[in-house]
Amino acid sequence: ATRRITAPAGATVKVLVLTTFDLD
């Protein structure tokens, strides 16, 4: 979902990922 939201040229929205899992 992050990839699709930020992919369009000129996209300005920022994504802050939240998770309970801190896996590399």
mmCIF file of all heavy atoms, coordinates in Angstrom:
data_MODEL
# 
_entry.id   MODEL 
# 
loop_
_atom_site.group_PDB 
_atom_site.id 
_atom_site.type_symbol 
_atom_site.label_atom_id 
_atom_site.label_alt_id 
_atom_site.label_comp_id 
_atom_site.label_asym_id 
_atom_site.label_entity_id 
_atom_site.label_seq_id 
_atom_site.pdbx_PDB_ins_code 
_atom_site.Cartn_x 
_atom_site.Cartn_y 
_atom_site.Cartn_z 
_atom_site.occupancy 
_atom_site.B_iso_or_equiv 
_atom_site.pdbx_formal_charge 
_atom_site.auth_seq_id 
_atom_site.auth_comp_id 
_atom_site.auth_asym_id 
_atom_site.auth_atom_id 
_atom_site.pdbx_PDB_model_num 
ATOM 1   N N   . ALA A 1 1  ? 0.839  -1.199  0.000   1.00 0.00 ? 1  ALA A N   1 
ATOM 2   C CA  . ALA A 1 1  ? 0.000  0.000   0.000   1.00 0.00 ? 1  ALA A CA  1 
ATOM 3   C C   . ALA A 1 1  ? 0.875  1.251   0.000   1.00 0.00 ? 1  ALA A C   1 
ATOM 4   O O   . ALA A 1 1  ? 0.584  2.231   -0.703  1.00 0.00 ? 1  ALA A O   1 
ATOM 5   C CB  . ALA A 1 1  ? -0.923 -0.001  1.214   1.00 0.00 ? 1  ALA A CB  1 
ATOM 6   N N   . THR A 1 2  ? 1.954  1.221   0.769   1.00 0.00 ? 2  THR A N   1 
ATOM 7   C CA  . THR A 1 2  ? 2.893  2.349   0.791   1.00 0.00 ? 2  THR A CA  1 
ATOM 8   C C   . THR A 1 2  ? 3.491  2.573   -0.585  1.00 0.00 ? 2  THR A C   1 
ATOM 9   O O   . THR A 1 2  ? 3.591  3.703   -1.066  1.00 0.00 ? 2  THR A O   1 
ATOM 10  C CB  . THR A 1 2  ? 4.022  2.069   1.806   1.00 0.00 ? 2  THR A CB  1 
ATOM 11  O OG1 . THR A 1 2  ? 3.474  2.018   3.127   1.00 0.00 ? 2  THR A OG1 1 
ATOM 12  C CG2 . THR A 1 2  ? 5.092  3.154   1.757   1.00 0.00 ? 2  THR A CG2 1 
ATOM 13  N N   . ARG A 1 3  ? 3.898  1.491   -1.227  1.00 0.00 ? 3  ARG A N   1 
ATOM 14  C CA  . ARG A 1 3  ? 4.499  1.590   -2.565  1.00 0.00 ? 3  ARG A CA  1 
ATOM 15  C C   . ARG A 1 3  ? 3.531  2.236   -3.558  1.00 0.00 ? 3  ARG A C   1 
ATOM 16  O O   . ARG A 1 3  ? 3.903  3.110   -4.337  1.00 0.00 ? 3  ARG A O   1 
ATOM 17  C CB  . ARG A 1 3  ? 4.909  0.199   -3.041  1.00 0.00 ? 3  ARG A CB  1 
ATOM 18  C CG  . ARG A 1 3  ? 5.599  0.184   -4.401  1.00 0.00 ? 3  ARG A CG  1 
ATOM 19  C CD  . ARG A 1 3  ? 6.074  -1.206  -4.762  1.00 0.00 ? 3  ARG A CD  1 
ATOM 20  N NE  . ARG A 1 3  ? 7.186  -1.623  -3.909  1.00 0.00 ? 3  ARG A NE  1 
ATOM 21  C CZ  . ARG A 1 3  ? 7.129  -2.569  -2.980  1.00 0.00 ? 3  ARG A CZ  1 
ATOM 22  N NH1 . ARG A 1 3  ? 5.985  -3.210  -2.772  1.00 0.00 ? 3  ARG A NH1 1 
ATOM 23  N NH2 . ARG A 1 3  ? 8.178  -2.878  -2.249  1.00 0.00 ? 3  ARG A NH2 1 
ATOM 24  N N   . ARG A 1 4  ? 2.270  1.828   -3.514  1.00 0.00 ? 4  ARG A N   1 
ATOM 25  C CA  . ARG A 1 4  ? 1.287  2.349   -4.466  1.00 0.00 ? 4  ARG A CA  1 
ATOM 26  C C   . ARG A 1 4  ? 0.912  3.800   -4.169  1.00 0.00 ? 4  ARG A C   1 
ATOM 27  O O   . ARG A 1 4  ? 0.665  4.596   -5.086  1.00 0.00 ? 4  ARG A O   1 
ATOM 28  C CB  . ARG A 1 4  ? 0.034  1.478   -4.452  1.00 0.00 ? 4  ARG A CB  1 
ATOM 29  C CG  . ARG A 1 4  ? 0.272  0.053   -4.923  1.00 0.00 ? 4  ARG A CG  1 
ATOM 30  C CD  . ARG A 1 4  ? -1.037 -0.691  -5.084  1.00 0.00 ? 4  ARG A CD  1 
ATOM 31  N NE  . ARG A 1 4  ? -0.831 -2.134  -5.263  1.00 0.00 ? 4  ARG A NE  1 
ATOM 32  C CZ  . ARG A 1 4  ? -1.806 -2.996  -5.465  1.00 0.00 ? 4  ARG A CZ  1 
ATOM 33  N NH1 . ARG A 1 4  ? -3.073 -2.575  -5.527  1.00 0.00 ? 4  ARG A NH1 1 
ATOM 34  N NH2 . ARG A 1 4  ? -1.547 -4.289  -5.612  1.00 0.00 ? 4  ARG A NH2 1 
ATOM 35  N N   . ILE A 1 5  ? 0.870  4.161   -2.903  1.00 0.00 ? 5  ILE A N   1 
ATOM 36  C CA  . ILE A 1 5  ? 0.501  5.530   -2.534  1.00 0.00 ? 5  ILE A CA  1 
ATOM 37  C C   . ILE A 1 5  ? 1.601  6.518   -2.905  1.00 0.00 ? 5  ILE A C   1 
ATOM 38  O O   . ILE A 1 5  ? 1.328  7.631   -3.360  1.00 0.00 ? 5  ILE A O   1 
ATOM 39  C CB  . ILE A 1 5  ? 0.189  5.612   -1.024  1.00 0.00 ? 5  ILE A CB  1 
ATOM 40  C CG1 . ILE A 1 5  ? -1.162 4.953   -0.729  1.00 0.00 ? 5  ILE A CG1 1 
ATOM 41  C CG2 . ILE A 1 5  ? 0.173  7.064   -0.537  1.00 0.00 ? 5  ILE A CG2 1 
ATOM 42  C CD1 . ILE A 1 5  ? -1.491 4.853   0.743   1.00 0.00 ? 5  ILE A CD1 1 
ATOM 43  N N   . THR A 1 6  ? 2.849  6.116   -2.728  1.00 0.00 ? 6  THR A N   1 
ATOM 44  C CA  . THR A 1 6  ? 3.962  7.042   -2.952  1.00 0.00 ? 6  THR A CA  1 
ATOM 45  C C   . THR A 1 6  ? 4.513  6.983   -4.376  1.00 0.00 ? 6  THR A C   1 
ATOM 46  O O   . THR A 1 6  ? 5.320  7.832   -4.755  1.00 0.00 ? 6  THR A O   1 
ATOM 47  C CB  . THR A 1 6  ? 5.111  6.764   -1.974  1.00 0.00 ? 6  THR A CB  1 
ATOM 48  O OG1 . THR A 1 6  ? 5.585  5.412   -2.152  1.00 0.00 ? 6  THR A OG1 1 
ATOM 49  C CG2 . THR A 1 6  ? 4.652  6.941   -0.531  1.00 0.00 ? 6  THR A CG2 1 
ATOM 50  N N   . ALA A 1 7  ? 4.079  6.001   -5.167  1.00 0.00 ? 7  ALA A N   1 
ATOM 51  C CA  . ALA A 1 7  ? 4.661  5.797   -6.497  1.00 0.00 ? 7  ALA A CA  1 
ATOM 52  C C   . ALA A 1 7  ? 4.337  6.879   -7.525  1.00 0.00 ? 7  ALA A C   1 
ATOM 53  O O   . ALA A 1 7  ? 5.205  7.235   -8.325  1.00 0.00 ? 7  ALA A O   1 
ATOM 54  C CB  . ALA A 1 7  ? 4.240  4.432   -7.044  1.00 0.00 ? 7  ALA A CB  1 
ATOM 55  N N   . PRO A 1 8  ? 3.108  7.417   -7.571  1.00 0.00 ? 8  PRO A N   1 
ATOM 56  C CA  . PRO A 1 8  ? 2.775  8.374   -8.630  1.00 0.00 ? 8  PRO A CA  1 
ATOM 57  C C   . PRO A 1 8  ? 3.716  9.569   -8.660  1.00 0.00 ? 8  PRO A C   1 
ATOM 58  O O   . PRO A 1 8  ? 4.126  10.081  -7.609  1.00 0.00 ? 8  PRO A O   1 
ATOM 59  C CB  . PRO A 1 8  ? 1.345  8.815   -8.272  1.00 0.00 ? 8  PRO A CB  1 
ATOM 60  C CG  . PRO A 1 8  ? 0.794  7.682   -7.481  1.00 0.00 ? 8  PRO A CG  1 
ATOM 61  C CD  . PRO A 1 8  ? 1.960  7.169   -6.683  1.00 0.00 ? 8  PRO A CD  1 
ATOM 62  N N   . ALA A 1 9  ? 4.079  10.001  -9.853  1.00 0.00 ? 9  ALA A N   1 
ATOM 63  C CA  . ALA A 1 9  ? 4.943  11.172  -9.995  1.00 0.00 ? 9  ALA A CA  1 
ATOM 64  C C   . ALA A 1 9  ? 4.257  12.387  -9.369  1.00 0.00 ? 9  ALA A C   1 
ATOM 65  O O   . ALA A 1 9  ? 3.074  12.627  -9.582  1.00 0.00 ? 9  ALA A O   1 
ATOM 66  C CB  . ALA A 1 9  ? 5.224  11.426  -11.465 1.00 0.00 ? 9  ALA A CB  1 
ATOM 67  N N   . GLY A 1 10 ? 5.007  13.117  -8.579  1.00 0.00 ? 10 GLY A N   1 
ATOM 68  C CA  . GLY A 1 10 ? 4.463  14.302  -7.943  1.00 0.00 ? 10 GLY A CA  1 
ATOM 69  C C   . GLY A 1 10 ? 3.731  14.040  -6.642  1.00 0.00 ? 10 GLY A C   1 
ATOM 70  O O   . GLY A 1 10 ? 3.221  14.974  -6.018  1.00 0.00 ? 10 GLY A O   1 
ATOM 71  N N   . ALA A 1 11 ? 3.687  12.787  -6.204  1.00 0.00 ? 11 ALA A N   1 
ATOM 72  C CA  . ALA A 1 11 ? 3.020  12.462  -4.934  1.00 0.00 ? 11 ALA A CA  1 
ATOM 73  C C   . ALA A 1 11 ? 3.739  13.145  -3.773  1.00 0.00 ? 11 ALA A C   1 
ATOM 74  O O   . ALA A 1 11 ? 4.959  13.079  -3.666  1.00 0.00 ? 11 ALA A O   1 
ATOM 75  C CB  . ALA A 1 11 ? 3.000  10.955  -4.722  1.00 0.00 ? 11 ALA A CB  1 
ATOM 76  N N   . THR A 1 12 ? 2.981  13.810  -2.931  1.00 0.00 ? 12 THR A N   1 
ATOM 77  C CA  . THR A 1 12 ? 3.576  14.532  -1.803  1.00 0.00 ? 12 THR A CA  1 
ATOM 78  C C   . THR A 1 12 ? 3.248  13.902  -0.457  1.00 0.00 ? 12 THR A C   1 
ATOM 79  O O   . THR A 1 12 ? 3.841  14.273  0.557   1.00 0.00 ? 12 THR A O   1 
ATOM 80  C CB  . THR A 1 12 ? 3.098  15.993  -1.787  1.00 0.00 ? 12 THR A CB  1 
ATOM 81  O OG1 . THR A 1 12 ? 1.672  16.024  -1.692  1.00 0.00 ? 12 THR A OG1 1 
ATOM 82  C CG2 . THR A 1 12 ? 3.534  16.718  -3.052  1.00 0.00 ? 12 THR A CG2 1 
ATOM 83  N N   . VAL A 1 13 ? 2.299  12.966  -0.426  1.00 0.00 ? 13 VAL A N   1 
ATOM 84  C CA  . VAL A 1 13 ? 1.917  12.336  0.840   1.00 0.00 ? 13 VAL A CA  1 
ATOM 85  C C   . VAL A 1 13 ? 3.095  11.564  1.421   1.00 0.00 ? 13 VAL A C   1 
ATOM 86  O O   . VAL A 1 13 ? 3.856  10.920  0.694   1.00 0.00 ? 13 VAL A O   1 
ATOM 87  C CB  . VAL A 1 13 ? 0.701  11.401  0.636   1.00 0.00 ? 13 VAL A CB  1 
ATOM 88  C CG1 . VAL A 1 13 ? 1.022  10.290  -0.335  1.00 0.00 ? 13 VAL A CG1 1 
ATOM 89  C CG2 . VAL A 1 13 ? 0.226  10.841  1.965   1.00 0.00 ? 13 VAL A CG2 1 
ATOM 90  N N   . LYS A 1 14 ? 3.261  11.638  2.731   1.00 0.00 ? 14 LYS A N   1 
ATOM 91  C CA  . LYS A 1 14 ? 4.324  10.924  3.427   1.00 0.00 ? 14 LYS A CA  1 
ATOM 92  C C   . LYS A 1 14 ? 3.714  9.763   4.205   1.00 0.00 ? 14 LYS A C   1 
ATOM 93  O O   . LYS A 1 14 ? 2.618  9.890   4.760   1.00 0.00 ? 14 LYS A O   1 
ATOM 94  C CB  . LYS A 1 14 ? 5.056  11.856  4.401   1.00 0.00 ? 14 LYS A CB  1 
ATOM 95  C CG  . LYS A 1 14 ? 5.608  13.130  3.748   1.00 0.00 ? 14 LYS A CG  1 
ATOM 96  C CD  . LYS A 1 14 ? 6.673  12.807  2.729   1.00 0.00 ? 14 LYS A CD  1 
ATOM 97  C CE  . LYS A 1 14 ? 7.171  14.071  2.035   1.00 0.00 ? 14 LYS A CE  1 
ATOM 98  N NZ  . LYS A 1 14 ? 7.758  15.055  2.957   1.00 0.00 ? 14 LYS A NZ  1 
ATOM 99  N N   . VAL A 1 15 ? 4.410  8.648   4.226   1.00 0.00 ? 15 VAL A N   1 
ATOM 100 C CA  . VAL A 1 15 ? 3.921  7.477   4.949   1.00 0.00 ? 15 VAL A CA  1 
ATOM 101 C C   . VAL A 1 15 ? 4.810  7.209   6.161   1.00 0.00 ? 15 VAL A C   1 
ATOM 102 O O   . VAL A 1 15 ? 6.031  7.107   6.041   1.00 0.00 ? 15 VAL A O   1 
ATOM 103 C CB  . VAL A 1 15 ? 3.897  6.226   4.040   1.00 0.00 ? 15 VAL A CB  1 
ATOM 104 C CG1 . VAL A 1 15 ? 3.496  4.993   4.843   1.00 0.00 ? 15 VAL A CG1 1 
ATOM 105 C CG2 . VAL A 1 15 ? 2.930  6.429   2.883   1.00 0.00 ? 15 VAL A CG2 1 
ATOM 106 N N   . LEU A 1 16 ? 4.179  7.102   7.316   1.00 0.00 ? 16 LEU A N   1 
ATOM 107 C CA  . LEU A 1 16 ? 4.861  6.742   8.556   1.00 0.00 ? 16 LEU A CA  1 
ATOM 108 C C   . LEU A 1 16 ? 4.385  5.346   8.929   1.00 0.00 ? 16 LEU A C   1 
ATOM 109 O O   . LEU A 1 16 ? 3.210  5.142   9.238   1.00 0.00 ? 16 LEU A O   1 
ATOM 110 C CB  . LEU A 1 16 ? 4.518  7.738   9.667   1.00 0.00 ? 16 LEU A CB  1 
ATOM 111 C CG  . LEU A 1 16 ? 5.050  7.436   11.075  1.00 0.00 ? 16 LEU A CG  1 
ATOM 112 C CD1 . LEU A 1 16 ? 6.570  7.361   11.073  1.00 0.00 ? 16 LEU A CD1 1 
ATOM 113 C CD2 . LEU A 1 16 ? 4.559  8.490   12.060  1.00 0.00 ? 16 LEU A CD2 1 
ATOM 114 N N   . VAL A 1 17 ? 5.276  4.386   8.850   1.00 0.00 ? 17 VAL A N   1 
ATOM 115 C CA  . VAL A 1 17 ? 4.924  2.993   9.109   1.00 0.00 ? 17 VAL A CA  1 
ATOM 116 C C   . VAL A 1 17 ? 4.892  2.723   10.606  1.00 0.00 ? 17 VAL A C   1 
ATOM 117 O O   . VAL A 1 17 ? 5.821  3.060   11.336  1.00 0.00 ? 17 VAL A O   1 
ATOM 118 C CB  . VAL A 1 17 ? 5.918  2.044   8.411   1.00 0.00 ? 17 VAL A CB  1 
ATOM 119 C CG1 . VAL A 1 17 ? 5.661  0.604   8.827   1.00 0.00 ? 17 VAL A CG1 1 
ATOM 120 C CG2 . VAL A 1 17 ? 5.796  2.177   6.896   1.00 0.00 ? 17 VAL A CG2 1 
ATOM 121 N N   . LEU A 1 18 ? 3.803  2.092   11.041  1.00 0.00 ? 18 LEU A N   1 
ATOM 122 C CA  . LEU A 1 18 ? 3.636  1.717   12.445  1.00 0.00 ? 18 LEU A CA  1 
ATOM 123 C C   . LEU A 1 18 ? 3.491  0.210   12.540  1.00 0.00 ? 18 LEU A C   1 
ATOM 124 O O   . LEU A 1 18 ? 2.730  -0.391  11.780  1.00 0.00 ? 18 LEU A O   1 
ATOM 125 C CB  . LEU A 1 18 ? 2.386  2.381   13.022  1.00 0.00 ? 18 LEU A CB  1 
ATOM 126 C CG  . LEU A 1 18 ? 2.463  3.888   13.251  1.00 0.00 ? 18 LEU A CG  1 
ATOM 127 C CD1 . LEU A 1 18 ? 1.068  4.465   13.380  1.00 0.00 ? 18 LEU A CD1 1 
ATOM 128 C CD2 . LEU A 1 18 ? 3.283  4.198   14.496  1.00 0.00 ? 18 LEU A CD2 1 
ATOM 129 N N   . THR A 1 19 ? 4.208  -0.402  13.466  1.00 0.00 ? 19 THR A N   1 
ATOM 130 C CA  . THR A 1 19 ? 4.106  -1.848  13.614  1.00 0.00 ? 19 THR A CA  1 
ATOM 131 C C   . THR A 1 19 ? 4.521  -2.282  15.009  1.00 0.00 ? 19 THR A C   1 
ATOM 132 O O   . THR A 1 19 ? 5.231  -1.562  15.709  1.00 0.00 ? 19 THR A O   1 
ATOM 133 C CB  . THR A 1 19 ? 4.977  -2.573  12.567  1.00 0.00 ? 19 THR A CB  1 
ATOM 134 O OG1 . THR A 1 19 ? 4.777  -3.979  12.675  1.00 0.00 ? 19 THR A OG1 1 
ATOM 135 C CG2 . THR A 1 19 ? 6.445  -2.259  12.773  1.00 0.00 ? 19 THR A CG2 1 
ATOM 136 N N   . THR A 1 20 ? 4.070  -3.458  15.396  1.00 0.00 ? 20 THR A N   1 
ATOM 137 C CA  . THR A 1 20 ? 4.502  -4.031  16.670  1.00 0.00 ? 20 THR A CA  1 
ATOM 138 C C   . THR A 1 20 ? 5.730  -4.905  16.443  1.00 0.00 ? 20 THR A C   1 
ATOM 139 O O   . THR A 1 20 ? 6.345  -5.368  17.392  1.00 0.00 ? 20 THR A O   1 
ATOM 140 C CB  . THR A 1 20 ? 3.382  -4.901  17.283  1.00 0.00 ? 20 THR A CB  1 
ATOM 141 O OG1 . THR A 1 20 ? 2.959  -5.855  16.308  1.00 0.00 ? 20 THR A OG1 1 
ATOM 142 C CG2 . THR A 1 20 ? 2.206  -4.047  17.692  1.00 0.00 ? 20 THR A CG2 1 
ATOM 143 N N   . PHE A 1 21 ? 6.086  -5.118  15.184  1.00 0.00 ? 21 PHE A N   1 
ATOM 144 C CA  . PHE A 1 21 ? 7.200  -5.998  14.853  1.00 0.00 ? 21 PHE A CA  1 
ATOM 145 C C   . PHE A 1 21 ? 8.384  -5.181  14.342  1.00 0.00 ? 21 PHE A C   1 
ATOM 146 O O   . PHE A 1 21 ? 8.266  -4.484  13.336  1.00 0.00 ? 21 PHE A O   1 
ATOM 147 C CB  . PHE A 1 21 ? 6.782  -7.014  13.777  1.00 0.00 ? 21 PHE A CB  1 
ATOM 148 C CG  . PHE A 1 21 ? 5.575  -7.814  14.160  1.00 0.00 ? 21 PHE A CG  1 
ATOM 149 C CD1 . PHE A 1 21 ? 4.315  -7.432  13.734  1.00 0.00 ? 21 PHE A CD1 1 
ATOM 150 C CD2 . PHE A 1 21 ? 5.695  -8.938  14.970  1.00 0.00 ? 21 PHE A CD2 1 
ATOM 151 C CE1 . PHE A 1 21 ? 3.187  -8.158  14.095  1.00 0.00 ? 21 PHE A CE1 1 
ATOM 152 C CE2 . PHE A 1 21 ? 4.580  -9.674  15.339  1.00 0.00 ? 21 PHE A CE2 1 
ATOM 153 C CZ  . PHE A 1 21 ? 3.326  -9.280  14.905  1.00 0.00 ? 21 PHE A CZ  1 
ATOM 154 N N   . ASP A 1 22 ? 9.515  -5.271  15.017  1.00 0.00 ? 22 ASP A N   1 
ATOM 155 C CA  . ASP A 1 22 ? 10.687 -4.505  14.601  1.00 0.00 ? 22 ASP A CA  1 
ATOM 156 C C   . ASP A 1 22 ? 11.665 -5.412  13.853  1.00 0.00 ? 22 ASP A C   1 
ATOM 157 O O   . ASP A 1 22 ? 12.855 -5.442  14.132  1.00 0.00 ? 22 ASP A O   1 
ATOM 158 C CB  . ASP A 1 22 ? 11.373 -3.840  15.796  1.00 0.00 ? 22 ASP A CB  1 
ATOM 159 C CG  . ASP A 1 22 ? 11.817 -4.829  16.867  1.00 0.00 ? 22 ASP A CG  1 
ATOM 160 O OD1 . ASP A 1 22 ? 11.371 -5.994  16.800  1.00 0.00 ? 22 ASP A OD1 1 
ATOM 161 O OD2 . ASP A 1 22 ? 12.601 -4.441  17.745  1.00 0.00 ? 22 ASP A OD2 1 
ATOM 162 N N   . LEU A 1 23 ? 11.139 -6.172  12.886  1.00 0.00 ? 23 LEU A N   1 
ATOM 163 C CA  . LEU A 1 23 ? 11.971 -7.094  12.123  1.00 0.00 ? 23 LEU A CA  1 
ATOM 164 C C   . LEU A 1 23 ? 12.669 -6.364  10.984  1.00 0.00 ? 23 LEU A C   1 
ATOM 165 O O   . LEU A 1 23 ? 12.078 -5.538  10.298  1.00 0.00 ? 23 LEU A O   1 
ATOM 166 C CB  . LEU A 1 23 ? 11.115 -8.232  11.555  1.00 0.00 ? 23 LEU A CB  1 
ATOM 167 C CG  . LEU A 1 23 ? 10.342 -9.059  12.584  1.00 0.00 ? 23 LEU A CG  1 
ATOM 168 C CD1 . LEU A 1 23 ? 9.509  -10.125 11.880  1.00 0.00 ? 23 LEU A CD1 1 
ATOM 169 C CD2 . LEU A 1 23 ? 11.298 -9.706  13.581  1.00 0.00 ? 23 LEU A CD2 1 
ATOM 170 N N   . ASP A 1 24 ? 13.947 -6.701  10.781  1.00 0.00 ? 24 ASP A N   1 
ATOM 171 C CA  . ASP A 1 24 ? 14.758 -5.986  9.800   1.00 0.00 ? 24 ASP A CA  1 
ATOM 172 C C   . ASP A 1 24 ? 14.133 -5.924  8.402   1.00 0.00 ? 24 ASP A C   1 
ATOM 173 O O   . ASP A 1 24 ? 14.116 -4.888  7.759   1.00 0.00 ? 24 ASP A O   1 
ATOM 174 C CB  . ASP A 1 24 ? 16.145 -6.637  9.694   1.00 0.00 ? 24 ASP A CB  1 
ATOM 175 C CG  . ASP A 1 24 ? 16.932 -6.535  10.984  1.00 0.00 ? 24 ASP A CG  1 
ATOM 176 O OD1 . ASP A 1 24 ? 16.664 -5.632  11.775  1.00 0.00 ? 24 ASP A OD1 1 
ATOM 177 O OD2 . ASP A 1 24 ? 17.820 -7.368  11.183  1.00 0.00 ? 24 ASP A OD2 1 
# 
